[in-house]
Amino acid sequence: MVKVNRTKIKKHIPSALSHIGRYLLLIGFAYVLIYPFFYMAINTVKDPVDWFDPTVMWIPKGFSLDNYIVAFKYMDYFSSLLQTLICGIVPALISFFTCAVAGYGLARFNFKGKSILSFLMILCIMVPDPMIMIPSYNNFKHLDFIGIFSLINNLTGVDLRISIINTPLVFIIPALLASGLKNGLFIYIYSQFFKGLPKELEEAAWIDGAGPWKTFLKIVLPSSGASSVTVIVFSVVWYWNDYYLSQMYLSENFPLSVVLSNFNSNLGSLNDLKAEYLFTTGSLLLTCCFITIFPLLIFFLFMQRKFVQSIATCGIVG
C-alpha cells in the first residue's frame, strides 16, 4: 500500500486551485475574444438554406462559397484592396519614419520653439478629427504653400492653388509632415523611447565622425525596435480601419473600410446579383467583414510576438 502524504497534498491544493482558476479565466477571455471571429467565419460558408433552418447552429449541413462570390463582386474587392494599400499602408509606412524623426528631435535636441512643438504634439493627440474637418477639407481643396498662392491670386487674379481631394495625396502629404492619422501619439511614443536611450551610443557615433542624420539612421532607429513595432502595427491597423477621413476626402475608388461602412446604403446595387445567387443580407455582411479584416489578421500573425514584446517594453496600456 502506498501511503498518502496528506500534509504534502494539503500544501499543493492552493497551488493547484490557483492554476485551475487562472486557466479558467484565460479560457473565458479567449472564448469572448475568439467567439465573434469563429461565428463570422462559419456563417460565411453556410449554405443559404441553413440560415433558415433552426436546427443548424454551428456546423452547417451544406457548405457554399456563393457568399464570397457575391462579396467579391459587391466590394470590387481587388480594386478596393489596391486603394486601401495606397491610401493606408503607404501613409502608415511614411508616418513610421517621419514620426521617428520628429520624436528624436524633440527627445534629443534643444531649440527655440521646442515647447510650442511639444504642445502641438499633445494637441494632435487630444483634438478629435471632426473638430478640424472643415478647415482640413478646405486646405486640401485649395492647397496652398504658406499663403503664397493666395497672395498671387489676390494680386494677379491667377489662381495657382490646386485640389488634391479625391487623390491619395490627402493621406500621403500629412504623413510626410508627421501630421497624419494619430501621428501625435506616435511622436509621443518615439520621444519617450528615445529619452530613455543611452546617450553614450550617440556620443560614440559622433566621435567616429557621424553627423545627426547618420547617427539617427545607423544607431538610433535600429535601436528603436520596440517602439517601431508598436507604431507600425497601430498605424497600419488605424489607417486600414479608418473610414471617416476616406469618406470625407474621396468620392470614388473607395478603400475597403468605406465600402463596408456603406453596406446598407448600397444594397440596391445588388439587384443584378440576386438573380444569380441566393443569399441573405446577414451572411453577405459577415462575408464582407471577413474578407476586409483577413489581410490584417495575416499581418498581425506575423507581428504579434514582437508586438506583445514591444507593448511590454513601451509600457502602453489601455
C-alpha atoms as a PDB file:
ATOM      1  CA  MET A   1       0.000   0.000   0.000  1.00  0.00           C
ATOM      2  CA  VAL A   2       1.259   3.393  -0.935  1.00  0.00           C
ATOM      3  CA  LYS A   3       0.988   5.798   1.943  1.00  0.00           C
ATOM      4  CA  VAL A   4      -0.593   9.103   1.031  1.00  0.00           C
ATOM      5  CA  ASN A   5       1.168  12.104   2.470  1.00  0.00           C
ATOM      6  CA  ARG A   6      -1.814  14.241   3.423  1.00  0.00           C
ATOM      7  CA  THR A   7       0.360  17.135   4.531  1.00  0.00           C
ATOM      8  CA  LYS A   8       2.031  17.352   1.122  1.00  0.00           C
ATOM      9  CA  ILE A   9      -1.353  17.155  -0.630  1.00  0.00           C
ATOM     10  CA  LYS A  10      -2.732  19.982   1.509  1.00  0.00           C
ATOM     11  CA  LYS A  11       0.258  22.133   0.595  1.00  0.00           C
ATOM     12  CA  HIS A  12      -0.325  21.581  -3.127  1.00  0.00           C
ATOM     13  CA  ILE A  13      -4.092  22.171  -3.065  1.00  0.00           C
ATOM     14  CA  PRO A  14      -3.872  26.029  -3.016  1.00  0.00           C
ATOM     15  CA  SER A  15      -1.350  25.993  -5.852  1.00  0.00           C
ATOM     16  CA  ALA A  16      -3.497  23.603  -7.926  1.00  0.00           C
ATOM     17  CA  LEU A  17      -6.636  25.681  -7.332  1.00  0.00           C
ATOM     18  CA  SER A  18      -4.725  28.798  -8.330  1.00  0.00           C
ATOM     19  CA  HIS A  19      -3.623  27.203 -11.614  1.00  0.00           C
ATOM     20  CA  ILE A  20      -7.135  25.919 -12.348  1.00  0.00           C
ATOM     21  CA  GLY A  21      -8.639  29.336 -11.664  1.00  0.00           C
ATOM     22  CA  ARG A  22      -6.056  31.009 -13.879  1.00  0.00           C
ATOM     23  CA  TYR A  23      -6.704  28.624 -16.756  1.00  0.00           C
ATOM     24  CA  LEU A  24     -10.475  29.011 -16.413  1.00  0.00           C
ATOM     25  CA  LEU A  25     -10.095  32.795 -16.517  1.00  0.00           C
ATOM     26  CA  LEU A  26      -7.865  32.637 -19.602  1.00  0.00           C
ATOM     27  CA  ILE A  27     -10.244  30.217 -21.327  1.00  0.00           C
ATOM     28  CA  GLY A  28     -13.124  32.597 -20.593  1.00  0.00           C
ATOM     29  CA  PHE A  29     -11.243  35.573 -22.053  1.00  0.00           C
ATOM     30  CA  ALA A  30     -10.206  33.532 -25.076  1.00  0.00           C
ATOM     31  CA  TYR A  31     -13.804  32.471 -25.671  1.00  0.00           C
ATOM     32  CA  VAL A  32     -15.051  36.070 -25.511  1.00  0.00           C
ATOM     33  CA  LEU A  33     -12.372  37.220 -27.961  1.00  0.00           C
ATOM     34  CA  ILE A  34     -12.443  34.299 -30.398  1.00  0.00           C
ATOM     35  CA  TYR A  35     -16.197  33.626 -30.474  1.00  0.00           C
ATOM     36  CA  PRO A  36     -17.096  36.553 -32.814  1.00  0.00           C
ATOM     37  CA  PHE A  37     -14.378  35.542 -35.271  1.00  0.00           C
ATOM     38  CA  PHE A  38     -15.452  31.885 -35.421  1.00  0.00           C
ATOM     39  CA  TYR A  39     -19.103  32.883 -35.680  1.00  0.00           C
ATOM     40  CA  MET A  40     -18.274  35.144 -38.610  1.00  0.00           C
ATOM     41  CA  ALA A  41     -16.032  32.594 -40.357  1.00  0.00           C
ATOM     42  CA  ILE A  42     -18.527  29.715 -40.069  1.00  0.00           C
ATOM     43  CA  ASN A  43     -21.508  31.744 -41.239  1.00  0.00           C
ATOM     44  CA  THR A  44     -19.681  32.899 -44.367  1.00  0.00           C
ATOM     45  CA  VAL A  45     -19.615  29.348 -45.723  1.00  0.00           C
ATOM     46  CA  LYS A  46     -23.137  28.332 -44.735  1.00  0.00           C
ATOM     47  CA  ASP A  47     -25.474  27.239 -47.456  1.00  0.00           C
ATOM     48  CA  PRO A  48     -28.301  29.825 -47.776  1.00  0.00           C
ATOM     49  CA  VAL A  49     -30.837  27.150 -46.806  1.00  0.00           C
ATOM     50  CA  ASP A  50     -29.066  26.633 -43.450  1.00  0.00           C
ATOM     51  CA  TRP A  51     -29.772  30.240 -42.478  1.00  0.00           C
ATOM     52  CA  PHE A  52     -33.472  29.430 -42.330  1.00  0.00           C
ATOM     53  CA  ASP A  53     -33.021  26.030 -40.635  1.00  0.00           C
ATOM     54  CA  PRO A  54     -33.464  26.390 -36.834  1.00  0.00           C
ATOM     55  CA  THR A  55     -31.644  23.102 -36.247  1.00  0.00           C
ATOM     56  CA  VAL A  56     -28.376  24.493 -37.654  1.00  0.00           C
ATOM     57  CA  MET A  57     -26.383  26.419 -35.074  1.00  0.00           C
ATOM     58  CA  TRP A  58     -22.646  25.958 -35.667  1.00  0.00           C
ATOM     59  CA  ILE A  59     -21.914  23.145 -38.096  1.00  0.00           C
ATOM     60  CA  PRO A  60     -23.765  23.753 -41.390  1.00  0.00           C
ATOM     61  CA  LYS A  61     -25.365  20.881 -43.247  1.00  0.00           C
ATOM     62  CA  GLY A  62     -24.048  22.213 -46.539  1.00  0.00           C
ATOM     63  CA  PHE A  63     -21.102  24.429 -47.433  1.00  0.00           C
ATOM     64  CA  SER A  64     -21.279  27.128 -50.091  1.00  0.00           C
ATOM     65  CA  LEU A  65     -18.882  29.781 -51.431  1.00  0.00           C
ATOM     66  CA  ASP A  66     -21.643  31.833 -53.039  1.00  0.00           C
ATOM     67  CA  ASN A  67     -21.332  34.456 -50.313  1.00  0.00           C
ATOM     68  CA  TYR A  68     -17.690  35.029 -51.219  1.00  0.00           C
ATOM     69  CA  ILE A  69     -18.510  35.288 -54.934  1.00  0.00           C
ATOM     70  CA  VAL A  70     -21.172  37.898 -54.239  1.00  0.00           C
ATOM     71  CA  ALA A  71     -18.988  39.767 -51.714  1.00  0.00           C
ATOM     72  CA  PHE A  72     -16.043  39.992 -54.108  1.00  0.00           C
ATOM     73  CA  LYS A  73     -18.318  41.371 -56.810  1.00  0.00           C
ATOM     74  CA  TYR A  74     -20.164  43.723 -54.476  1.00  0.00           C
ATOM     75  CA  MET A  75     -16.999  45.221 -52.956  1.00  0.00           C
ATOM     76  CA  ASP A  76     -14.977  45.182 -56.191  1.00  0.00           C
ATOM     77  CA  TYR A  77     -12.515  43.623 -53.803  1.00  0.00           C
ATOM     78  CA  PHE A  78      -9.169  43.780 -55.572  1.00  0.00           C
ATOM     79  CA  SER A  79      -9.664  47.360 -56.756  1.00  0.00           C
ATOM     80  CA  SER A  80     -10.739  48.397 -53.241  1.00  0.00           C
ATOM     81  CA  LEU A  81      -7.821  46.469 -51.742  1.00  0.00           C
ATOM     82  CA  LEU A  82      -5.366  48.303 -54.002  1.00  0.00           C
ATOM     83  CA  GLN A  83      -6.884  51.628 -52.972  1.00  0.00           C
ATOM     84  CA  THR A  84      -6.586  50.580 -49.324  1.00  0.00           C
ATOM     85  CA  LEU A  85      -2.898  49.793 -49.780  1.00  0.00           C
ATOM     86  CA  ILE A  86      -2.250  53.148 -51.461  1.00  0.00           C
ATOM     87  CA  CYS A  87      -4.301  55.260 -49.041  1.00  0.00           C
ATOM     88  CA  GLY A  88      -3.497  53.227 -45.934  1.00  0.00           C
ATOM     89  CA  ILE A  89      -0.305  51.209 -45.980  1.00  0.00           C
ATOM     90  CA  VAL A  90       1.831  53.804 -47.821  1.00  0.00           C
ATOM     91  CA  PRO A  91       0.947  56.647 -45.381  1.00  0.00           C
ATOM     92  CA  ALA A  92       1.399  54.246 -42.456  1.00  0.00           C
ATOM     93  CA  LEU A  93       4.961  53.410 -43.526  1.00  0.00           C
ATOM     94  CA  ILE A  94       5.738  57.075 -44.175  1.00  0.00           C
ATOM     95  CA  SER A  95       4.373  58.010 -40.745  1.00  0.00           C
ATOM     96  CA  PHE A  96       6.617  55.380 -39.169  1.00  0.00           C
ATOM     97  CA  PHE A  97       9.725  57.232 -40.406  1.00  0.00           C
ATOM     98  CA  THR A  98       8.603  60.872 -40.130  1.00  0.00           C
ATOM     99  CA  CYS A  99       7.250  60.389 -36.604  1.00  0.00           C
ATOM    100  CA  ALA A 100      10.536  58.765 -35.610  1.00  0.00           C
ATOM    101  CA  VAL A 101      12.421  61.820 -36.908  1.00  0.00           C
ATOM    102  CA  ALA A 102      10.089  64.210 -35.069  1.00  0.00           C
ATOM    103  CA  GLY A 103      10.237  62.168 -31.862  1.00  0.00           C
ATOM    104  CA  TYR A 104      14.038  62.030 -31.977  1.00  0.00           C
ATOM    105  CA  GLY A 105      14.259  65.785 -32.482  1.00  0.00           C
ATOM    106  CA  LEU A 106      12.008  66.501 -29.501  1.00  0.00           C
ATOM    107  CA  ALA A 107      13.816  63.986 -27.299  1.00  0.00           C
ATOM    108  CA  ARG A 108      17.436  64.849 -28.007  1.00  0.00           C
ATOM    109  CA  PHE A 109      17.762  68.435 -29.280  1.00  0.00           C
ATOM    110  CA  ASN A 110      17.134  71.794 -27.615  1.00  0.00           C
ATOM    111  CA  PHE A 111      15.962  74.570 -29.932  1.00  0.00           C
ATOM    112  CA  LYS A 112      13.715  77.611 -29.915  1.00  0.00           C
ATOM    113  CA  GLY A 113      10.075  76.720 -30.130  1.00  0.00           C
ATOM    114  CA  LYS A 114      10.533  73.202 -28.756  1.00  0.00           C
ATOM    115  CA  SER A 115       7.902  73.770 -26.064  1.00  0.00           C
ATOM    116  CA  ILE A 116       5.445  75.014 -28.706  1.00  0.00           C
ATOM    117  CA  LEU A 117       6.017  71.918 -30.844  1.00  0.00           C
ATOM    118  CA  SER A 118       5.564  69.716 -27.780  1.00  0.00           C
ATOM    119  CA  PHE A 119       2.273  71.478 -27.061  1.00  0.00           C
ATOM    120  CA  LEU A 120       1.152  70.956 -30.665  1.00  0.00           C
ATOM    121  CA  MET A 121       2.046  67.276 -30.358  1.00  0.00           C
ATOM    122  CA  ILE A 122      -0.202  66.919 -27.308  1.00  0.00           C
ATOM    123  CA  LEU A 123      -2.891  68.937 -29.102  1.00  0.00           C
ATOM    124  CA  CYS A 124      -2.809  66.498 -32.034  1.00  0.00           C
ATOM    125  CA  ILE A 125      -3.485  63.664 -29.595  1.00  0.00           C
ATOM    126  CA  MET A 126      -6.346  65.394 -27.808  1.00  0.00           C
ATOM    127  CA  VAL A 127      -8.236  67.118 -30.650  1.00  0.00           C
ATOM    128  CA  PRO A 128     -10.631  64.725 -32.469  1.00  0.00           C
ATOM    129  CA  ASP A 129     -10.776  64.695 -36.262  1.00  0.00           C
ATOM    130  CA  PRO A 130     -14.379  66.026 -36.559  1.00  0.00           C
ATOM    131  CA  MET A 131     -13.298  69.323 -34.984  1.00  0.00           C
ATOM    132  CA  ILE A 132     -10.881  70.055 -37.843  1.00  0.00           C
ATOM    133  CA  MET A 133     -12.957  68.503 -40.610  1.00  0.00           C
ATOM    134  CA  ILE A 134     -13.974  71.720 -42.405  1.00  0.00           C
ATOM    135  CA  PRO A 135     -10.560  73.512 -42.345  1.00  0.00           C
ATOM    136  CA  SER A 136      -8.789  70.300 -43.390  1.00  0.00           C
ATOM    137  CA  TYR A 137     -11.124  69.815 -46.341  1.00  0.00           C
ATOM    138  CA  ASN A 138     -10.724  73.470 -47.405  1.00  0.00           C
ATOM    139  CA  ASN A 139      -6.936  73.224 -47.168  1.00  0.00           C
ATOM    140  CA  PHE A 140      -6.840  70.165 -49.405  1.00  0.00           C
ATOM    141  CA  LYS A 141      -9.453  71.618 -51.761  1.00  0.00           C
ATOM    142  CA  HIS A 142      -7.325  74.762 -52.264  1.00  0.00           C
ATOM    143  CA  LEU A 143      -3.814  73.559 -51.497  1.00  0.00           C
ATOM    144  CA  ASP A 144      -1.508  76.485 -50.819  1.00  0.00           C
ATOM    145  CA  PHE A 145       2.072  76.979 -49.670  1.00  0.00           C
ATOM    146  CA  ILE A 146       2.119  79.289 -46.606  1.00  0.00           C
ATOM    147  CA  GLY A 147      -0.294  81.627 -48.383  1.00  0.00           C
ATOM    148  CA  ILE A 148       1.941  82.433 -51.372  1.00  0.00           C
ATOM    149  CA  PHE A 149      -0.512  81.145 -53.987  1.00  0.00           C
ATOM    150  CA  SER A 150      -3.364  83.066 -52.343  1.00  0.00           C
ATOM    151  CA  LEU A 151      -1.282  86.257 -52.446  1.00  0.00           C
ATOM    152  CA  ILE A 152      -0.567  85.738 -56.151  1.00  0.00           C
ATOM    153  CA  ASN A 153      -4.275  85.148 -56.711  1.00  0.00           C
ATOM    154  CA  ASN A 154      -5.162  88.420 -54.962  1.00  0.00           C
ATOM    155  CA  LEU A 155      -2.548  90.400 -56.925  1.00  0.00           C
ATOM    156  CA  THR A 156      -2.936  88.915 -60.395  1.00  0.00           C
ATOM    157  CA  GLY A 157      -6.248  87.084 -60.338  1.00  0.00           C
ATOM    158  CA  VAL A 158      -4.492  83.857 -61.349  1.00  0.00           C
ATOM    159  CA  ASP A 159      -5.406  81.018 -59.013  1.00  0.00           C
ATOM    160  CA  LEU A 160      -2.445  78.645 -58.724  1.00  0.00           C
ATOM    161  CA  ARG A 161      -3.959  76.630 -55.896  1.00  0.00           C
ATOM    162  CA  ILE A 162      -4.652  73.002 -56.714  1.00  0.00           C
ATOM    163  CA  SER A 163      -7.090  70.465 -55.313  1.00  0.00           C
ATOM    164  CA  ILE A 164      -5.834  67.118 -54.065  1.00  0.00           C
ATOM    165  CA  ILE A 165      -9.281  65.961 -52.949  1.00  0.00           C
ATOM    166  CA  ASN A 166     -10.112  62.501 -54.264  1.00  0.00           C
ATOM    167  CA  THR A 167      -6.426  61.581 -54.558  1.00  0.00           C
ATOM    168  CA  PRO A 168      -4.146  59.570 -52.233  1.00  0.00           C
ATOM    169  CA  LEU A 169      -2.154  62.768 -51.604  1.00  0.00           C
ATOM    170  CA  VAL A 170      -4.650  63.787 -48.908  1.00  0.00           C
ATOM    171  CA  PHE A 171      -3.192  60.960 -46.808  1.00  0.00           C
ATOM    172  CA  ILE A 172       0.406  60.958 -48.055  1.00  0.00           C
ATOM    173  CA  ILE A 173       1.186  64.684 -47.592  1.00  0.00           C
ATOM    174  CA  PRO A 174       0.107  64.803 -43.899  1.00  0.00           C
ATOM    175  CA  ALA A 175       2.108  61.619 -43.302  1.00  0.00           C
ATOM    176  CA  LEU A 176       5.189  63.251 -44.834  1.00  0.00           C
ATOM    177  CA  LEU A 177       4.747  66.159 -42.406  1.00  0.00           C
ATOM    178  CA  ALA A 178       4.182  63.827 -39.412  1.00  0.00           C
ATOM    179  CA  SER A 179       0.638  65.175 -39.003  1.00  0.00           C
ATOM    180  CA  GLY A 180      -1.362  62.245 -40.340  1.00  0.00           C
ATOM    181  CA  LEU A 181      -3.762  59.891 -38.577  1.00  0.00           C
ATOM    182  CA  LYS A 182      -2.786  59.546 -34.870  1.00  0.00           C
ATOM    183  CA  ASN A 183       0.722  60.851 -35.647  1.00  0.00           C
ATOM    184  CA  GLY A 184       0.775  62.914 -32.452  1.00  0.00           C
ATOM    185  CA  LEU A 185       0.563  59.708 -30.426  1.00  0.00           C
ATOM    186  CA  PHE A 186       3.314  58.071 -32.488  1.00  0.00           C
ATOM    187  CA  ILE A 187       5.643  61.056 -31.985  1.00  0.00           C
ATOM    188  CA  TYR A 188       4.995  60.849 -28.251  1.00  0.00           C
ATOM    189  CA  ILE A 189       5.804  57.122 -28.200  1.00  0.00           C
ATOM    190  CA  TYR A 190       9.064  57.702 -30.048  1.00  0.00           C
ATOM    191  CA  SER A 191      10.092  60.705 -27.963  1.00  0.00           C
ATOM    192  CA  GLN A 192       9.523  58.823 -24.700  1.00  0.00           C
ATOM    193  CA  PHE A 193      11.523  55.866 -26.003  1.00  0.00           C
ATOM    194  CA  PHE A 194      14.421  57.994 -27.264  1.00  0.00           C
ATOM    195  CA  LYS A 195      14.635  59.824 -23.939  1.00  0.00           C
ATOM    196  CA  GLY A 196      15.443  56.504 -22.286  1.00  0.00           C
ATOM    197  CA  LEU A 197      18.023  55.514 -24.903  1.00  0.00           C
ATOM    198  CA  PRO A 198      21.623  55.741 -23.592  1.00  0.00           C
ATOM    199  CA  LYS A 199      23.331  58.868 -24.891  1.00  0.00           C
ATOM    200  CA  GLU A 200      26.638  57.007 -24.962  1.00  0.00           C
ATOM    201  CA  LEU A 201      25.551  55.270 -28.180  1.00  0.00           C
ATOM    202  CA  GLU A 202      25.157  58.596 -29.971  1.00  0.00           C
ATOM    203  CA  GLU A 203      28.296  60.087 -28.436  1.00  0.00           C
ATOM    204  CA  ALA A 204      30.319  57.132 -29.693  1.00  0.00           C
ATOM    205  CA  ALA A 205      28.916  57.678 -33.185  1.00  0.00           C
ATOM    206  CA  TRP A 206      29.741  61.398 -33.046  1.00  0.00           C
ATOM    207  CA  ILE A 207      33.306  60.623 -32.001  1.00  0.00           C
ATOM    208  CA  ASP A 208      33.594  58.388 -35.086  1.00  0.00           C
ATOM    209  CA  GLY A 209      32.532  61.335 -37.242  1.00  0.00           C
ATOM    210  CA  ALA A 210      28.857  60.564 -37.781  1.00  0.00           C
ATOM    211  CA  GLY A 211      26.505  63.508 -38.085  1.00  0.00           C
ATOM    212  CA  PRO A 212      22.990  63.738 -36.626  1.00  0.00           C
ATOM    213  CA  TRP A 213      21.297  62.116 -39.639  1.00  0.00           C
ATOM    214  CA  LYS A 214      23.790  59.285 -39.914  1.00  0.00           C
ATOM    215  CA  THR A 215      23.581  58.687 -36.168  1.00  0.00           C
ATOM    216  CA  PHE A 216      19.819  58.571 -36.372  1.00  0.00           C
ATOM    217  CA  LEU A 217      19.722  56.195 -39.342  1.00  0.00           C
ATOM    218  CA  LYS A 218      22.589  53.912 -38.296  1.00  0.00           C
ATOM    219  CA  ILE A 219      22.331  53.872 -34.496  1.00  0.00           C
ATOM    220  CA  VAL A 220      19.113  55.330 -33.107  1.00  0.00           C
ATOM    221  CA  LEU A 221      16.474  53.982 -35.486  1.00  0.00           C
ATOM    222  CA  PRO A 222      17.800  50.364 -35.494  1.00  0.00           C
ATOM    223  CA  SER A 223      17.814  50.514 -31.674  1.00  0.00           C
ATOM    224  CA  SER A 224      14.147  51.517 -31.505  1.00  0.00           C
ATOM    225  CA  GLY A 225      12.766  48.091 -32.336  1.00  0.00           C
ATOM    226  CA  ALA A 226      10.173  48.038 -29.547  1.00  0.00           C
ATOM    227  CA  SER A 227       8.634  51.436 -30.273  1.00  0.00           C
ATOM    228  CA  SER A 228       8.907  50.923 -34.047  1.00  0.00           C
ATOM    229  CA  VAL A 229       6.883  47.694 -33.962  1.00  0.00           C
ATOM    230  CA  THR A 230       4.223  49.387 -31.836  1.00  0.00           C
ATOM    231  CA  VAL A 231       3.973  52.346 -34.204  1.00  0.00           C
ATOM    232  CA  ILE A 232       3.891  50.178 -37.344  1.00  0.00           C
ATOM    233  CA  VAL A 233       1.131  47.910 -36.019  1.00  0.00           C
ATOM    234  CA  PHE A 234      -1.012  50.746 -34.684  1.00  0.00           C
ATOM    235  CA  SER A 235      -0.504  52.855 -37.805  1.00  0.00           C
ATOM    236  CA  VAL A 236      -1.360  50.062 -40.247  1.00  0.00           C
ATOM    237  CA  VAL A 237      -4.449  48.989 -38.277  1.00  0.00           C
ATOM    238  CA  TRP A 238      -5.780  52.533 -37.814  1.00  0.00           C
ATOM    239  CA  TYR A 239      -5.248  53.532 -41.430  1.00  0.00           C
ATOM    240  CA  TRP A 240      -6.770  50.250 -42.619  1.00  0.00           C
ATOM    241  CA  ASN A 241      -9.895  50.618 -40.465  1.00  0.00           C
ATOM    242  CA  ASP A 242     -10.390  54.340 -40.986  1.00  0.00           C
ATOM    243  CA  TYR A 243     -13.466  55.199 -42.999  1.00  0.00           C
ATOM    244  CA  TYR A 244     -14.244  58.685 -41.683  1.00  0.00           C
ATOM    245  CA  LEU A 245     -11.399  60.519 -43.436  1.00  0.00           C
ATOM    246  CA  SER A 246     -11.593  58.318 -46.529  1.00  0.00           C
ATOM    247  CA  GLN A 247     -15.295  59.011 -46.943  1.00  0.00           C
ATOM    248  CA  MET A 248     -14.715  62.727 -46.457  1.00  0.00           C
ATOM    249  CA  TYR A 249     -11.819  63.143 -48.888  1.00  0.00           C
ATOM    250  CA  LEU A 250     -12.738  60.582 -51.558  1.00  0.00           C
ATOM    251  CA  SER A 251     -15.789  60.489 -53.811  1.00  0.00           C
ATOM    252  CA  GLU A 252     -14.829  57.394 -55.813  1.00  0.00           C
ATOM    253  CA  ASN A 253     -12.388  54.491 -55.692  1.00  0.00           C
ATOM    254  CA  PHE A 254     -13.122  53.916 -52.021  1.00  0.00           C
ATOM    255  CA  PRO A 255     -10.987  51.661 -49.792  1.00  0.00           C
ATOM    256  CA  LEU A 256     -12.423  48.550 -48.181  1.00  0.00           C
ATOM    257  CA  SER A 257     -13.418  50.302 -44.951  1.00  0.00           C
ATOM    258  CA  VAL A 258     -15.672  52.799 -46.760  1.00  0.00           C
ATOM    259  CA  VAL A 259     -17.255  50.130 -48.975  1.00  0.00           C
ATOM    260  CA  LEU A 260     -18.037  48.090 -45.866  1.00  0.00           C
ATOM    261  CA  SER A 261     -19.421  51.068 -43.917  1.00  0.00           C
ATOM    262  CA  ASN A 262     -21.745  51.900 -46.840  1.00  0.00           C
ATOM    263  CA  PHE A 263     -23.097  48.359 -46.978  1.00  0.00           C
ATOM    264  CA  ASN A 264     -26.696  49.161 -46.040  1.00  0.00           C
ATOM    265  CA  SER A 265     -26.949  52.201 -48.297  1.00  0.00           C
ATOM    266  CA  ASN A 266     -25.609  50.274 -51.308  1.00  0.00           C
ATOM    267  CA  LEU A 267     -27.868  47.237 -51.028  1.00  0.00           C
ATOM    268  CA  GLY A 268     -29.843  48.491 -54.045  1.00  0.00           C
ATOM    269  CA  SER A 269     -26.838  47.841 -56.275  1.00  0.00           C
ATOM    270  CA  LEU A 270     -27.182  44.107 -55.577  1.00  0.00           C
ATOM    271  CA  ASN A 271     -30.343  43.638 -57.619  1.00  0.00           C
ATOM    272  CA  ASP A 272     -28.386  42.256 -60.554  1.00  0.00           C
ATOM    273  CA  LEU A 273     -26.674  39.749 -58.251  1.00  0.00           C
ATOM    274  CA  LYS A 274     -29.854  38.497 -56.588  1.00  0.00           C
ATOM    275  CA  ALA A 275     -30.958  36.796 -59.754  1.00  0.00           C
ATOM    276  CA  GLU A 276     -27.683  34.881 -59.990  1.00  0.00           C
ATOM    277  CA  TYR A 277     -27.142  33.923 -56.350  1.00  0.00           C
ATOM    278  CA  LEU A 278     -29.372  33.255 -53.379  1.00  0.00           C
ATOM    279  CA  PHE A 279     -28.029  34.849 -50.245  1.00  0.00           C
ATOM    280  CA  THR A 280     -29.142  36.589 -47.042  1.00  0.00           C
ATOM    281  CA  THR A 281     -28.109  40.093 -46.084  1.00  0.00           C
ATOM    282  CA  GLY A 282     -26.637  38.875 -42.802  1.00  0.00           C
ATOM    283  CA  SER A 283     -24.397  36.253 -44.382  1.00  0.00           C
ATOM    284  CA  LEU A 284     -23.217  38.695 -47.044  1.00  0.00           C
ATOM    285  CA  LEU A 285     -22.360  41.341 -44.450  1.00  0.00           C
ATOM    286  CA  LEU A 286     -20.380  38.807 -42.399  1.00  0.00           C
ATOM    287  CA  THR A 287     -18.517  37.724 -45.534  1.00  0.00           C
ATOM    288  CA  CYS A 288     -17.662  41.330 -46.414  1.00  0.00           C
ATOM    289  CA  CYS A 289     -16.384  41.862 -42.867  1.00  0.00           C
ATOM    290  CA  PHE A 290     -14.289  38.700 -43.018  1.00  0.00           C
ATOM    291  CA  ILE A 291     -12.540  39.478 -46.317  1.00  0.00           C
ATOM    292  CA  THR A 292     -11.930  43.040 -45.116  1.00  0.00           C
ATOM    293  CA  ILE A 293     -10.115  42.047 -41.930  1.00  0.00           C
ATOM    294  CA  PHE A 294      -8.418  38.936 -43.331  1.00  0.00           C
ATOM    295  CA  PRO A 295      -5.264  40.771 -44.589  1.00  0.00           C
ATOM    296  CA  LEU A 296      -4.971  42.419 -41.158  1.00  0.00           C
ATOM    297  CA  LEU A 297      -5.181  39.017 -39.482  1.00  0.00           C
ATOM    298  CA  ILE A 298      -2.333  37.717 -41.633  1.00  0.00           C
ATOM    299  CA  PHE A 299      -0.303  40.859 -40.860  1.00  0.00           C
ATOM    300  CA  PHE A 300      -0.892  40.508 -37.121  1.00  0.00           C
ATOM    301  CA  LEU A 301       0.011  36.798 -37.128  1.00  0.00           C
ATOM    302  CA  PHE A 302       3.474  37.757 -38.358  1.00  0.00           C
ATOM    303  CA  MET A 303       3.816  40.699 -35.980  1.00  0.00           C
ATOM    304  CA  GLN A 304       2.040  39.503 -32.831  1.00  0.00           C
ATOM    305  CA  ARG A 305       5.061  38.189 -30.912  1.00  0.00           C
ATOM    306  CA  LYS A 306       7.145  41.305 -31.496  1.00  0.00           C
ATOM    307  CA  PHE A 307       4.101  43.470 -30.891  1.00  0.00           C
ATOM    308  CA  VAL A 308       3.385  41.956 -27.458  1.00  0.00           C
ATOM    309  CA  GLN A 309       7.046  42.370 -26.505  1.00  0.00           C
ATOM    310  CA  SER A 310       7.009  45.986 -27.707  1.00  0.00           C
ATOM    311  CA  ILE A 311       3.882  46.779 -25.695  1.00  0.00           C
ATOM    312  CA  ALA A 312       5.578  45.423 -22.570  1.00  0.00           C
ATOM    313  CA  THR A 313       8.734  47.440 -23.300  1.00  0.00           C
ATOM    314  CA  CYS A 314       6.994  50.715 -24.173  1.00  0.00           C
ATOM    315  CA  GLY A 315       4.598  50.458 -21.246  1.00  0.00           C
ATOM    316  CA  ILE A 316       1.473  51.249 -23.292  1.00  0.00           C
ATOM    317  CA  VAL A 317      -1.747  50.214 -21.630  1.00  0.00           C
ATOM    318  CA  GLY A 318      -5.419  50.737 -22.368  1.00  0.00           C
END
